[in-house]
């Protein structure tokens, strides 16, 4: 079984910007270990003779053709904005660090 250390759990939580309690760190560490153990089991499966695939989905596209068309003018785009400044949207800062 792949054991995940408390430090590794804290590192992953930091990357995901999660504040975890000690019980959550323990629980998530156990769950991550179980996931890695399962991945190790999958790596033991022989794939010899299995053709390579880039996608399991049908490759037919159901999207419309991408054609250029007239867009909004800057004034039209900003007409319903709660706040604009010098031709740009004004939005609140959301990144703390």
Protein backbone atom coordinates (compact mmCIF):
# COMPACT_ATOMS: atom_id res chain seq x y z
CA UNK A 1 0.00 0.00 0.00
CA UNK A 2 1.33 3.45 -0.92
CA UNK A 3 1.46 5.45 2.28
CA UNK A 4 1.00 9.20 2.04
CA UNK A 5 2.69 11.24 4.74
CA UNK A 6 0.98 14.00 6.68
CA UNK A 7 3.41 16.46 5.08
CA UNK A 8 2.37 15.32 1.58
CA UNK A 9 -1.31 15.72 2.45
CA UNK A 10 -0.62 19.22 3.74
CA UNK A 11 1.30 20.05 0.55
CA UNK A 12 -1.56 18.86 -1.68
CA UNK A 13 -4.06 20.77 0.48
CA UNK A 14 -1.92 23.90 0.16
CA UNK A 15 -1.80 23.54 -3.64
CA UNK A 16 -5.59 23.14 -3.69
CA UNK A 17 -5.95 26.07 -1.27
CA UNK A 18 -7.79 23.91 1.25
CA UNK A 19 -7.74 24.47 5.00
CA UNK A 20 -8.02 20.98 6.46
CA UNK A 21 -8.60 19.97 10.05
CA UNK A 22 -6.38 17.28 11.57
CA UNK A 23 -9.11 14.60 11.20
CA UNK A 24 -9.57 15.61 7.54
CA UNK A 25 -5.82 15.34 6.93
CA UNK A 26 -5.87 11.82 8.36
CA UNK A 27 -8.94 10.82 6.34
CA UNK A 28 -7.65 12.30 3.07
CA UNK A 29 -4.24 10.72 3.63
CA UNK A 30 -5.88 7.31 3.94
CA UNK A 31 -8.04 7.94 0.87
CA UNK A 32 -5.07 9.12 -1.23
CA UNK A 33 -3.13 6.03 -0.17
CA UNK A 34 -6.01 3.80 -1.29
CA UNK A 35 -6.19 5.60 -4.65
CA UNK A 36 -2.46 5.16 -5.24
CA UNK A 37 -2.70 1.48 -4.30
CA UNK A 38 -5.44 1.03 -6.89
CA UNK A 39 -3.32 2.81 -9.53
CA UNK A 40 -0.44 0.45 -8.70
CA UNK A 41 -2.82 -2.48 -9.32
CA UNK A 42 -3.81 -1.01 -12.69
CA UNK A 43 -0.16 -0.77 -13.69
CA UNK A 44 0.15 -4.54 -13.26
CA UNK A 45 -2.47 -5.19 -15.99
CA UNK A 46 -0.91 -6.32 -19.25
CA UNK A 47 -1.83 -4.08 -22.17
CA UNK A 48 0.26 -5.96 -24.69
CA UNK A 49 -1.61 -6.33 -27.97
CA UNK A 50 -4.11 -3.62 -27.11
CA UNK A 51 -4.14 -0.96 -29.84
CA UNK A 52 -3.32 2.59 -28.82
CA UNK A 53 -6.26 4.96 -28.69
CA UNK A 54 -6.30 8.71 -28.29
CA UNK A 55 -9.99 8.74 -27.38
CA UNK A 56 -12.68 6.18 -26.63
CA UNK A 57 -15.37 8.50 -27.97
CA UNK A 58 -16.52 8.67 -31.56
CA UNK A 59 -14.52 11.33 -33.37
CA UNK A 60 -17.47 12.74 -35.34
CA UNK A 61 -17.94 16.43 -34.52
CA UNK A 62 -21.44 17.73 -33.87
CA UNK A 63 -20.31 21.34 -33.50
CA UNK A 64 -21.31 24.01 -35.94
CA UNK A 65 -18.76 25.37 -38.37
CA UNK A 66 -16.66 28.11 -36.83
CA UNK A 67 -17.33 31.12 -39.02
CA UNK A 68 -16.32 34.72 -38.34
CA UNK A 69 -19.19 37.09 -37.59
CA UNK A 70 -19.72 40.56 -36.25
CA UNK A 71 -19.14 40.86 -32.52
CA UNK A 72 -20.05 43.49 -29.96
CA UNK A 73 -18.49 46.90 -30.03
CA UNK A 74 -16.63 47.98 -26.91
CA UNK A 75 -19.50 50.29 -26.00
CA UNK A 76 -22.08 47.50 -26.44
CA UNK A 77 -20.01 45.09 -24.34
CA UNK A 78 -19.66 47.61 -21.51
CA UNK A 79 -23.24 48.95 -21.70
CA UNK A 80 -24.57 46.70 -18.90
CA UNK A 81 -21.38 46.51 -16.84
CA UNK A 82 -21.87 47.48 -13.19
CA UNK A 83 -18.60 49.40 -13.39
CA UNK A 84 -16.23 50.30 -16.23
CA UNK A 85 -13.12 52.43 -16.42
CA UNK A 86 -11.39 53.68 -19.57
CA UNK A 87 -13.04 51.04 -21.76
CA UNK A 88 -12.45 48.07 -19.43
CA UNK A 89 -14.60 46.10 -16.98
CA UNK A 90 -13.84 46.83 -13.33
CA UNK A 91 -13.99 43.68 -11.19
CA UNK A 92 -13.10 42.98 -7.54
CA UNK A 93 -9.70 41.52 -6.75
CA UNK A 94 -10.08 37.81 -5.96
CA UNK A 95 -6.49 36.62 -5.56
CA UNK A 96 -5.19 37.06 -2.03
CA UNK A 97 -1.59 35.96 -2.62
